[in-house]
N, C-alpha and C. Protein backbone atom coordinates (compact mmCIF):
# COMPACT_ATOMS: atom_id res chain seq x y z
N MET A 1 -4.88 -20.14 21.26
CA MET A 1 -5.53 -19.82 20.01
C MET A 1 -4.53 -19.99 18.88
N THR A 2 -4.97 -20.64 17.83
CA THR A 2 -4.16 -20.81 16.64
C THR A 2 -4.82 -20.07 15.49
N ILE A 3 -4.05 -19.28 14.77
CA ILE A 3 -4.57 -18.54 13.62
C ILE A 3 -3.80 -18.98 12.39
N GLU A 4 -4.54 -19.43 11.38
CA GLU A 4 -3.91 -19.84 10.13
C GLU A 4 -4.25 -18.82 9.05
N THR A 5 -3.26 -18.43 8.27
CA THR A 5 -3.47 -17.48 7.20
C THR A 5 -3.55 -18.22 5.86
N LYS A 6 -4.27 -17.62 4.93
CA LYS A 6 -4.41 -18.21 3.59
C LYS A 6 -3.13 -18.00 2.78
N TYR A 7 -2.45 -16.87 3.01
CA TYR A 7 -1.24 -16.52 2.27
C TYR A 7 -0.09 -16.32 3.25
N ASN A 8 1.13 -16.40 2.73
CA ASN A 8 2.33 -16.24 3.54
C ASN A 8 3.17 -15.08 3.02
N ILE A 9 4.09 -14.61 3.83
CA ILE A 9 5.02 -13.58 3.40
C ILE A 9 5.80 -14.13 2.20
N GLY A 10 5.92 -13.30 1.15
CA GLY A 10 6.59 -13.72 -0.07
C GLY A 10 5.65 -14.23 -1.15
N ASP A 11 4.38 -14.50 -0.80
CA ASP A 11 3.41 -14.96 -1.79
C ASP A 11 2.98 -13.81 -2.70
N GLU A 12 2.76 -14.12 -3.96
CA GLU A 12 2.21 -13.15 -4.90
C GLU A 12 0.69 -13.28 -4.85
N VAL A 13 0.00 -12.16 -4.75
CA VAL A 13 -1.45 -12.15 -4.72
C VAL A 13 -1.99 -11.16 -5.74
N TRP A 14 -3.22 -11.38 -6.16
CA TRP A 14 -3.88 -10.55 -7.16
C TRP A 14 -5.15 -9.98 -6.58
N TYR A 15 -5.49 -8.75 -6.99
CA TYR A 15 -6.72 -8.12 -6.52
C TYR A 15 -7.19 -7.10 -7.55
N SER A 16 -8.45 -6.71 -7.41
CA SER A 16 -9.05 -5.72 -8.29
C SER A 16 -9.40 -4.49 -7.47
N LEU A 17 -9.14 -3.31 -8.03
CA LEU A 17 -9.45 -2.06 -7.35
C LEU A 17 -9.88 -1.04 -8.40
N LYS A 18 -11.10 -0.57 -8.26
CA LYS A 18 -11.66 0.43 -9.18
C LYS A 18 -11.54 0.01 -10.64
N GLY A 19 -11.83 -1.28 -10.89
CA GLY A 19 -11.83 -1.79 -12.25
C GLY A 19 -10.49 -2.18 -12.83
N ASN A 20 -9.42 -2.01 -12.05
CA ASN A 20 -8.08 -2.39 -12.51
C ASN A 20 -7.59 -3.62 -11.75
N VAL A 21 -6.74 -4.40 -12.39
CA VAL A 21 -6.17 -5.61 -11.77
C VAL A 21 -4.73 -5.32 -11.37
N TYR A 22 -4.39 -5.71 -10.14
CA TYR A 22 -3.05 -5.49 -9.60
C TYR A 22 -2.52 -6.78 -8.99
N HIS A 23 -1.21 -6.85 -8.86
CA HIS A 23 -0.59 -7.95 -8.10
C HIS A 23 0.52 -7.37 -7.24
N GLU A 24 0.72 -8.03 -6.11
CA GLU A 24 1.74 -7.61 -5.15
C GLU A 24 2.36 -8.83 -4.51
N ILE A 25 3.51 -8.61 -3.91
CA ILE A 25 4.17 -9.64 -3.10
C ILE A 25 3.95 -9.26 -1.64
N ILE A 26 3.41 -10.15 -0.86
CA ILE A 26 3.13 -9.87 0.55
C ILE A 26 4.43 -9.73 1.32
N ASP A 27 4.57 -8.61 2.06
CA ASP A 27 5.78 -8.46 2.88
C ASP A 27 5.48 -8.39 4.37
N HIS A 28 4.22 -8.23 4.75
CA HIS A 28 3.87 -8.43 6.16
C HIS A 28 2.37 -8.66 6.31
N ILE A 29 2.02 -9.27 7.42
CA ILE A 29 0.65 -9.66 7.71
C ILE A 29 0.24 -9.05 9.03
N GLU A 30 -0.97 -8.48 9.06
CA GLU A 30 -1.52 -7.93 10.30
C GLU A 30 -2.72 -8.78 10.72
N ILE A 31 -2.79 -9.10 12.00
CA ILE A 31 -3.90 -9.89 12.52
C ILE A 31 -4.50 -9.14 13.69
N ASP A 32 -5.80 -8.88 13.61
CA ASP A 32 -6.53 -8.24 14.70
C ASP A 32 -7.51 -9.25 15.28
N VAL A 33 -7.50 -9.36 16.60
CA VAL A 33 -8.44 -10.23 17.28
C VAL A 33 -9.23 -9.39 18.27
N GLY A 34 -10.55 -9.38 18.09
CA GLY A 34 -11.42 -8.61 18.97
C GLY A 34 -11.71 -9.33 20.27
N LYS A 35 -12.36 -8.61 21.18
CA LYS A 35 -12.71 -9.18 22.49
C LYS A 35 -13.56 -10.44 22.35
N ASN A 36 -14.41 -10.47 21.34
CA ASN A 36 -15.29 -11.63 21.16
C ASN A 36 -14.62 -12.77 20.38
N GLY A 37 -13.34 -12.63 20.05
CA GLY A 37 -12.60 -13.65 19.34
C GLY A 37 -12.67 -13.54 17.83
N GLU A 38 -13.37 -12.53 17.33
CA GLU A 38 -13.45 -12.31 15.89
C GLU A 38 -12.08 -11.93 15.35
N THR A 39 -11.66 -12.62 14.29
CA THR A 39 -10.33 -12.43 13.73
C THR A 39 -10.40 -11.77 12.36
N HIS A 40 -9.54 -10.78 12.13
CA HIS A 40 -9.43 -10.11 10.85
C HIS A 40 -7.97 -10.18 10.41
N ILE A 41 -7.75 -10.66 9.18
CA ILE A 41 -6.39 -10.81 8.66
C ILE A 41 -6.22 -9.86 7.48
N TYR A 42 -5.12 -9.09 7.51
CA TYR A 42 -4.82 -8.13 6.46
C TYR A 42 -3.40 -8.37 5.95
N TYR A 43 -3.22 -8.22 4.64
CA TYR A 43 -1.92 -8.43 4.00
C TYR A 43 -1.44 -7.11 3.43
N ASN A 44 -0.16 -6.83 3.61
CA ASN A 44 0.43 -5.58 3.13
C ASN A 44 1.61 -5.87 2.22
N SER A 45 1.90 -4.87 1.38
CA SER A 45 3.02 -4.97 0.46
C SER A 45 3.62 -3.59 0.24
N GLU A 46 4.90 -3.47 0.49
CA GLU A 46 5.67 -2.26 0.18
C GLU A 46 5.00 -0.98 0.66
N GLY A 47 4.45 -0.99 1.84
CA GLY A 47 3.86 0.21 2.41
C GLY A 47 2.51 0.61 1.85
N LYS A 48 1.94 -0.22 0.98
CA LYS A 48 0.62 0.07 0.42
C LYS A 48 -0.44 -0.27 1.46
N PHE A 49 -1.68 0.16 1.20
CA PHE A 49 -2.73 -0.08 2.18
C PHE A 49 -3.01 -1.57 2.33
N PRO A 50 -3.47 -1.99 3.50
CA PRO A 50 -3.71 -3.42 3.74
C PRO A 50 -4.92 -3.95 2.96
N HIS A 51 -4.84 -5.21 2.58
CA HIS A 51 -5.90 -5.89 1.85
C HIS A 51 -6.49 -7.00 2.72
N ARG A 52 -7.82 -7.09 2.73
CA ARG A 52 -8.47 -8.18 3.46
C ARG A 52 -8.25 -9.49 2.71
N GLU A 53 -8.15 -10.55 3.48
CA GLU A 53 -7.87 -11.87 2.92
C GLU A 53 -8.91 -12.29 1.87
N ASP A 54 -10.19 -11.95 2.10
CA ASP A 54 -11.24 -12.39 1.18
C ASP A 54 -11.26 -11.63 -0.14
N ARG A 55 -10.42 -10.62 -0.29
CA ARG A 55 -10.36 -9.84 -1.53
C ARG A 55 -9.11 -10.13 -2.35
N LEU A 56 -8.34 -11.12 -1.92
CA LEU A 56 -7.10 -11.48 -2.61
C LEU A 56 -7.24 -12.85 -3.27
N PHE A 57 -6.50 -13.04 -4.34
CA PHE A 57 -6.53 -14.29 -5.09
C PHE A 57 -5.10 -14.72 -5.41
N PRO A 58 -4.86 -16.04 -5.45
CA PRO A 58 -3.49 -16.52 -5.68
C PRO A 58 -3.04 -16.41 -7.14
N THR A 59 -3.98 -16.32 -8.07
CA THR A 59 -3.62 -16.19 -9.49
C THR A 59 -4.52 -15.15 -10.17
N LYS A 60 -4.04 -14.62 -11.26
CA LYS A 60 -4.82 -13.66 -12.04
C LYS A 60 -6.08 -14.34 -12.60
N GLU A 61 -5.95 -15.58 -13.00
CA GLU A 61 -7.08 -16.31 -13.56
C GLU A 61 -8.21 -16.46 -12.53
N GLU A 62 -7.86 -16.79 -11.29
CA GLU A 62 -8.89 -16.93 -10.25
C GLU A 62 -9.56 -15.59 -9.95
N LEU A 63 -8.78 -14.52 -9.96
CA LEU A 63 -9.36 -13.20 -9.77
C LEU A 63 -10.35 -12.87 -10.86
N LEU A 64 -9.97 -13.09 -12.12
CA LEU A 64 -10.83 -12.78 -13.25
C LEU A 64 -12.12 -13.60 -13.22
N LYS A 65 -12.03 -14.86 -12.80
CA LYS A 65 -13.23 -15.72 -12.69
C LYS A 65 -14.20 -15.16 -11.65
N SER A 66 -13.68 -14.50 -10.63
CA SER A 66 -14.53 -14.00 -9.55
C SER A 66 -15.29 -12.73 -9.93
N LEU A 67 -14.85 -12.06 -10.98
CA LEU A 67 -15.48 -10.78 -11.36
C LEU A 67 -16.77 -10.97 -12.10
């Protein structure tokens, strides 16, 4: 099985939480694979809670366009 991530360690990502915009640098990636092969990828930064890949954006502009 090969798993490809959208972001890498060291990448800056942007996200929105409760109406505020934040950015972080990814410092580790968690990958969960279920019995049925379903894959979930989470990105973490500096001990903060993990973010799902589909809720992160590579630039502030792309995040704002999505809102």
